[in-house]
Amino acid sequence: AAPVDDEPESPLPSPPPQPASDIIPASVLRRIEAFFGSGESRVLHLDHLIKKLDGNQLRLVLERAMRAQPPVQVAFLQGAVPLQGALFPTLLRWVEMRHLWALNLGEINFSAQQMGALERTLCASNVSHLFYECTVAGEWKENLKEAIRSNRDKHTQWRLSRDHTQNHVILEVVKCWFNPTSHLVNKQFVERNRNGWPEDAA
């Protein structure tokens, strides 16, 4: 009689995780690459590119955004719930790069520990305009507001000027706690130049 092997069969090894390009639909990949290859990547509207509840698609956009040329300055990430999980450190790394100056994080609910990390990261960043749900921000709201107010002294990307391209970026920043167009310096600029661009406009 043939010997009997009492050892249970070893389970088959799990297949390696699929790369993002195998998981994400080709149409979405093309849309992402078209955006970042357009030269118009200064303002990122997540809703225009991906299904923002899909963690794989969101990861790809974040990784691509960190390499974007021109850099992303303004990011509308509202409703990107996967940022509450494993992608939170990636978000912080992106903010730490100091290219972003306007950020919408509406409809996202970070934990207390994450809020502490976000506050520290914002303080060291260039983010000068922000939206985060007031009912969720709670005790962190004033700290976050103080951080972004201080950051306005670090750069002038939020100020209207004779830079036509940058002005377009600024005018797209809406739905923050305080929008760039509400700043007195920008209202004065609009008033000075409402009839056109004099030679000494600034």
Protein backbone atom coordinates (compact mmCIF):
# COMPACT_ATOMS: atom_id res chain seq x y z
CA ALA A 1 0.00 0.00 0.00
CA ALA A 2 1.21 3.51 -0.72
CA PRO A 3 2.31 5.50 2.35
CA VAL A 4 -0.23 7.94 3.69
CA ASP A 5 0.92 11.52 4.18
CA ASP A 6 -0.76 12.84 7.31
CA GLU A 7 0.62 16.36 6.75
CA PRO A 8 -2.07 18.77 5.52
CA GLU A 9 -1.45 20.29 2.16
CA SER A 10 0.18 23.71 2.33
CA PRO A 11 -2.10 26.48 1.13
CA LEU A 12 -1.20 28.02 -2.16
CA PRO A 13 0.73 31.27 -1.74
CA SER A 14 -1.26 34.45 -2.21
CA PRO A 15 -0.66 36.15 -5.53
CA PRO A 16 1.36 39.36 -5.34
CA PRO A 17 -0.68 42.56 -5.23
CA GLN A 18 -1.50 43.92 -8.64
CA PRO A 19 0.23 47.14 -9.66
CA ALA A 20 -1.96 50.21 -9.80
CA SER A 21 -2.03 50.15 -13.58
CA ASP A 22 -3.71 46.71 -13.47
CA ILE A 23 -6.32 47.83 -10.95
CA ILE A 24 -7.24 51.28 -12.24
CA PRO A 25 -9.27 51.49 -15.46
CA ALA A 26 -7.27 52.55 -18.48
CA SER A 27 -9.60 55.50 -19.06
CA VAL A 28 -8.84 56.83 -15.57
CA LEU A 29 -5.10 56.38 -16.08
CA ARG A 30 -5.29 58.31 -19.35
CA ARG A 31 -7.27 61.09 -17.67
CA ILE A 32 -4.73 61.40 -14.85
CA GLU A 33 -1.76 61.49 -17.20
CA ALA A 34 -3.50 63.95 -19.51
CA PHE A 35 -4.06 66.32 -16.59
CA PHE A 36 -0.53 66.16 -15.24
CA GLY A 37 0.94 66.33 -18.74
CA SER A 38 -1.13 69.34 -19.76
CA GLY A 39 1.02 71.99 -18.10
CA GLU A 40 -2.14 73.09 -16.27
CA SER A 41 -1.64 71.15 -13.05
CA ARG A 42 -1.55 74.13 -10.70
CA VAL A 43 -5.14 73.54 -9.55
CA LEU A 44 -6.24 69.98 -8.80
CA HIS A 45 -9.95 69.11 -8.66
CA LEU A 46 -10.05 65.50 -7.54
CA ASP A 47 -13.66 65.13 -8.69
CA HIS A 48 -12.57 65.79 -12.28
CA LEU A 49 -10.07 62.93 -12.34
CA ILE A 50 -11.05 59.91 -10.27
CA LYS A 51 -13.54 58.18 -8.02
CA LYS A 52 -12.27 59.73 -4.82
CA LEU A 53 -13.46 56.84 -2.62
CA ASP A 54 -11.18 54.47 -4.52
CA GLY A 55 -7.97 54.25 -2.52
CA ASN A 56 -5.88 52.96 -5.43
CA GLN A 57 -6.91 55.80 -7.70
CA LEU A 58 -6.37 58.34 -4.93
CA ARG A 59 -2.92 56.95 -4.15
CA LEU A 60 -1.90 57.26 -7.78
CA VAL A 61 -3.06 60.89 -7.96
CA LEU A 62 -1.20 61.81 -4.76
CA GLU A 63 2.00 60.18 -5.94
CA ARG A 64 1.69 61.81 -9.35
CA ALA A 65 0.86 65.20 -7.81
CA MET A 66 4.07 65.15 -5.77
CA ARG A 67 6.05 64.98 -9.03
CA ALA A 68 3.91 67.40 -11.02
CA GLN A 69 5.45 70.15 -13.13
CA PRO A 70 4.26 72.79 -12.75
CA PRO A 71 3.64 71.89 -9.10
CA VAL A 72 0.11 71.66 -7.77
CA GLN A 73 -0.59 74.79 -5.73
CA VAL A 74 -4.29 74.30 -4.97
CA ALA A 75 -5.95 70.97 -4.18
CA PHE A 76 -9.66 70.31 -3.79
CA LEU A 77 -9.65 66.99 -1.94
CA GLN A 78 -13.05 67.20 -0.27
CA GLY A 79 -14.71 63.83 0.23
CA ALA A 80 -11.51 61.82 -0.29
CA VAL A 81 -12.30 59.55 2.67
CA PRO A 82 -9.35 57.16 2.08
CA LEU A 83 -7.13 60.01 3.35
CA GLN A 84 -8.42 59.09 6.82
CA GLY A 85 -6.57 55.77 6.58
CA ALA A 86 -3.36 54.47 5.06
CA LEU A 87 -2.99 57.46 2.72
CA PHE A 88 -2.80 60.03 5.52
CA PRO A 89 1.03 59.93 5.72
CA THR A 90 1.17 60.48 1.95
CA LEU A 91 -1.01 63.57 2.32
CA LEU A 92 1.34 64.92 4.99
CA ARG A 93 4.40 64.30 2.82
CA TRP A 94 2.78 66.22 -0.01
CA VAL A 95 1.92 69.18 2.24
CA GLU A 96 5.46 69.12 3.64
CA MET A 97 6.86 69.70 0.14
CA ARG A 98 5.56 73.29 0.44
CA HIS A 99 4.16 73.55 -3.08
CA LEU A 100 0.55 73.61 -1.86
CA TRP A 101 -0.84 76.85 -0.50
CA ALA A 102 -4.60 76.19 -0.68
CA LEU A 103 -6.24 72.96 0.47
CA ASN A 104 -9.84 71.80 0.78
CA LEU A 105 -10.27 68.85 3.15
CA GLY A 106 -14.04 69.02 3.53
CA GLU A 107 -16.14 65.91 4.22
CA ILE A 108 -13.17 64.16 5.83
CA ASN A 109 -13.01 63.19 9.50
CA PHE A 110 -9.50 62.77 10.86
CA SER A 111 -8.80 61.25 14.26
CA ALA A 112 -7.45 63.33 17.15
CA GLN A 113 -3.97 61.89 16.57
CA GLN A 114 -4.16 62.72 12.88
CA MET A 115 -5.35 66.24 13.65
CA GLY A 116 -2.29 66.80 15.82
CA ALA A 117 -0.03 65.61 13.01
CA LEU A 118 -1.91 67.76 10.49
CA GLU A 119 -1.53 70.86 12.65
CA ARG A 120 2.23 70.32 13.01
CA THR A 121 2.59 69.73 9.29
CA LEU A 122 0.57 72.81 8.38
CA CYS A 123 2.71 74.97 10.66
CA ALA A 124 5.80 73.90 8.70
CA SER A 125 4.10 74.22 5.31
CA ASN A 126 3.07 77.01 2.94
CA VAL A 127 -0.67 76.31 3.25
CA SER A 128 -2.20 79.72 3.79
CA HIS A 129 -5.81 78.94 2.85
CA LEU A 130 -7.73 75.93 4.12
CA PHE A 131 -11.12 74.38 4.51
CA TYR A 132 -11.90 71.65 7.00
CA GLU A 133 -15.38 70.96 8.38
CA CYS A 134 -15.92 73.28 11.35
CA THR A 135 -18.13 70.73 13.13
CA VAL A 136 -15.33 68.18 12.84
CA ALA A 137 -12.39 70.50 13.53
CA GLY A 138 -13.72 71.28 17.02
CA GLU A 139 -10.91 72.22 19.36
CA TRP A 140 -8.41 72.17 16.48
CA LYS A 141 -10.13 74.87 14.45
CA GLU A 142 -8.44 77.89 16.03
CA ASN A 143 -5.03 76.23 15.96
CA LEU A 144 -5.41 75.45 12.26
CA LYS A 145 -6.58 78.99 11.52
CA GLU A 146 -3.61 80.44 13.36
CA ALA A 147 -1.23 78.20 11.41
CA ILE A 148 -2.56 79.25 8.00
CA ARG A 149 -2.69 82.92 8.99
CA SER A 150 1.00 82.77 9.93
CA ASN A 151 1.80 81.04 6.66
CA ARG A 152 0.55 84.02 4.65
CA ASP A 153 3.73 85.83 5.63
CA LYS A 154 5.86 83.07 4.05
CA HIS A 155 4.92 83.68 0.43
CA THR A 156 2.90 85.89 -1.91
CA GLN A 157 1.30 83.24 -4.13
CA TRP A 158 -2.13 84.20 -2.76
CA ARG A 159 -1.72 87.89 -3.67
CA LEU A 160 -2.99 89.27 -6.98
CA SER A 161 -0.27 90.85 -9.10
CA ARG A 162 0.73 91.44 -12.73
CA ASP A 163 1.30 87.69 -13.06
CA HIS A 164 -1.72 86.75 -15.19
CA THR A 165 -1.17 82.99 -14.83
CA GLN A 166 -0.94 83.16 -11.05
CA ASN A 167 -4.01 85.41 -10.87
CA HIS A 168 -6.04 82.67 -12.56
CA VAL A 169 -4.87 80.22 -9.89
CA ILE A 170 -5.79 82.64 -7.10
CA LEU A 171 -9.27 83.24 -8.50
CA GLU A 172 -9.97 79.51 -8.48
CA VAL A 173 -9.45 79.31 -4.71
CA VAL A 174 -12.96 79.30 -3.27
CA LYS A 175 -14.80 77.71 -0.35
CA CYS A 176 -11.92 78.16 2.09
CA TRP A 177 -12.44 79.54 5.59
CA PHE A 178 -11.13 82.79 4.10
CA ASN A 179 -10.70 83.15 0.34
CA PRO A 180 -7.84 85.11 -1.26
CA THR A 181 -10.25 87.53 -2.94
CA SER A 182 -11.51 88.55 0.51
CA HIS A 183 -8.12 89.88 1.59
CA LEU A 184 -7.93 93.67 1.68
CA VAL A 185 -4.70 93.73 -0.34
CA ASN A 186 -6.41 91.85 -3.18
CA LYS A 187 -9.51 94.02 -3.06
CA GLN A 188 -7.28 97.08 -3.32
CA PHE A 189 -5.43 95.56 -6.27
CA VAL A 190 -8.72 94.95 -8.09
CA GLU A 191 -9.88 98.49 -7.37
CA ARG A 192 -6.62 100.02 -8.62
CA ASN A 193 -6.73 98.04 -11.84
CA ARG A 194 -10.43 97.87 -12.58
CA ASN A 195 -9.96 99.99 -15.71
CA GLY A 196 -6.96 98.07 -17.02
CA TRP A 197 -3.26 97.71 -16.30
CA PRO A 198 -1.39 101.01 -15.88
CA GLU A 199 2.37 100.86 -16.35
CA ASP A 200 2.99 101.11 -12.60
CA ALA A 201 0.36 98.49 -11.59
CA ALA A 202 1.46 96.23 -8.74
